[in-house]
Structure formats: C-alpha cells, structure tokens
Protein backbone atom coordinates (compact mmCIF):
# COMPACT_ATOMS: atom_id res chain seq x y z
CA MET A 1 0.00 0.00 0.00
CA ILE A 2 1.30 3.50 -0.80
CA ILE A 3 0.17 6.66 0.95
CA ARG A 4 1.38 10.08 -0.15
CA ASP A 5 0.98 13.36 1.59
CA THR A 6 1.81 17.00 0.75
CA GLY A 7 2.99 18.01 4.21
CA ALA A 8 6.33 19.55 5.26
CA GLY A 9 8.19 16.32 4.64
CA PHE A 10 11.09 15.13 6.77
CA GLY A 11 14.71 15.92 7.22
CA SER A 12 17.59 13.56 6.29
CA ASP A 13 16.49 10.71 8.64
CA PRO A 14 13.29 8.89 7.44
CA GLU A 15 13.76 6.19 10.14
CA GLY A 16 13.34 8.94 12.80
CA LEU A 17 9.72 9.37 11.69
CA PHE A 18 8.96 5.95 13.24
CA ASN A 19 10.45 6.73 16.70
CA ALA A 20 7.94 7.00 19.48
CA PHE A 21 6.95 10.65 20.34
CA TYR A 22 8.55 12.06 17.14
CA THR A 23 6.20 14.62 15.69
CA THR A 24 6.37 17.57 13.28
CA LYS A 25 2.93 18.81 14.45
CA HIS A 26 2.43 21.45 17.13
CA GLU A 27 -0.44 19.40 18.69
CA GLY A 28 0.89 15.97 17.65
CA MET A 29 1.59 13.09 20.08
CA GLY A 30 4.07 11.33 17.80
CA ILE A 31 2.81 7.76 18.34
CA GLY A 32 0.97 7.02 15.10
CA LEU A 33 3.80 5.90 12.90
CA SER A 34 5.54 4.08 15.78
CA VAL A 35 2.40 2.11 16.51
CA SER A 36 1.85 1.49 12.80
CA ARG A 37 5.33 0.00 12.42
CA SER A 38 4.82 -2.21 15.45
CA ILE A 39 1.54 -3.60 14.08
CA ILE A 40 2.93 -4.11 10.57
CA GLU A 41 6.13 -5.81 11.83
CA SER A 42 4.12 -8.06 14.13
CA HIS A 43 2.50 -9.39 10.93
CA LYS A 44 5.89 -9.88 9.37
CA GLY A 45 5.55 -6.87 7.13
CA ARG A 46 7.62 -3.69 6.70
CA ILE A 47 6.98 0.04 6.38
CA TRP A 48 9.21 2.84 5.17
CA ALA A 49 9.13 6.48 4.14
CA GLU A 50 10.43 8.22 1.07
CA ALA A 51 10.70 11.94 0.31
CA ASN A 52 8.51 13.10 -2.53
CA ASP A 53 9.88 15.23 -5.36
CA GLY A 54 8.89 18.62 -4.04
CA GLN A 55 6.79 18.64 -0.90
CA GLY A 56 5.53 15.79 1.25
CA THR A 57 6.36 12.15 2.03
CA THR A 58 5.37 8.80 0.59
CA PHE A 59 4.79 5.94 3.03
CA VAL A 60 4.88 2.40 1.80
CA PHE A 61 4.02 -0.77 3.59
CA GLU A 62 3.97 -4.41 2.57
CA LEU A 63 2.49 -7.41 4.26
CA PRO A 64 3.14 -11.06 3.39
CA GLU A 65 0.46 -13.02 1.66
CA HIS A 66 -2.09 -14.51 4.10
CA GLN A 67 -1.57 -18.15 4.89
CA SER A 68 -4.49 -20.35 5.99
CA LEU A 69 -4.43 -21.73 9.54
CA GLU A 70 -4.39 -25.23 8.04
CA ALA A 71 -1.28 -24.46 5.93
CA GLU A 72 0.43 -22.89 8.91
CA LEU A 73 -0.30 -26.01 11.11
CA GLN A 74 1.08 -28.27 8.40
CA ARG A 75 4.23 -26.09 8.12
CA GLN A 76 4.70 -26.23 11.90
CA MET A 77 4.26 -30.03 11.89
CA GLN A 78 6.86 -30.37 9.15
CA LEU A 79 9.29 -28.25 11.08
CA GLY A 80 8.75 -30.28 14.21
CA ALA A 81 8.92 -33.65 12.44
CA GLY A 82 12.74 -33.83 12.51
CA ARG A 83 13.05 -33.03 16.18
CA HIS A 84 12.20 -36.46 17.63
CA SER A 85 12.44 -40.14 16.74
CA PRO A 86 9.42 -41.96 15.47
CA GLY A 87 7.50 -43.48 18.39
CA THR A 88 8.78 -40.93 20.89
CA ALA A 89 6.92 -37.90 22.20
CA PRO A 90 8.14 -34.50 20.93
CA ASP A 91 9.78 -32.23 23.44
C-alpha cells in the first residue's frame, strides 16, 4: 500500500519518523507511525518512508500473503517432524 501526503516532509532521517513521540505537528503526540510500524512488523511486514519530489512524504508498507491456519499448522508439523524419533513424544 502506498500513501502520499503533501505536508512539510522530513529531514535527512526517514527512520526517525517511526520513533515513538517524534512529531512535526504542534499538537501531535508522535505515536501514530511508531504504533503502525509495530503492528505491521508483528504481521511480518515492513513500512518505510520516502521523500516526494517537491513537498511531502510517501509511506509504503507491505504485508506477506495470508496463509491459512491449516497451511500454517502443516508447516509447523513439518518443522517439528525432524526433532524427535518416531515413536517418541516431541519435546
């Protein structure tokens, strides 16, 4: 997903935008992008910011393709299959 704004933009450190309590707004709290990054990363995604040509910033985030619960359980079972000998209980 790509989101573009036409605000003041940012300085030379786009990663600083995602720090808790960083804000460019007089009345801002500075937690929105920090919380957004935490949520996106908890879903194994990523978010970043790029300066626009001219004014503003472009924010981009990507999330991995959704995997069904059944596919995830099968993957977990395959990962665990090599951990113990047949006929013994897993750790």
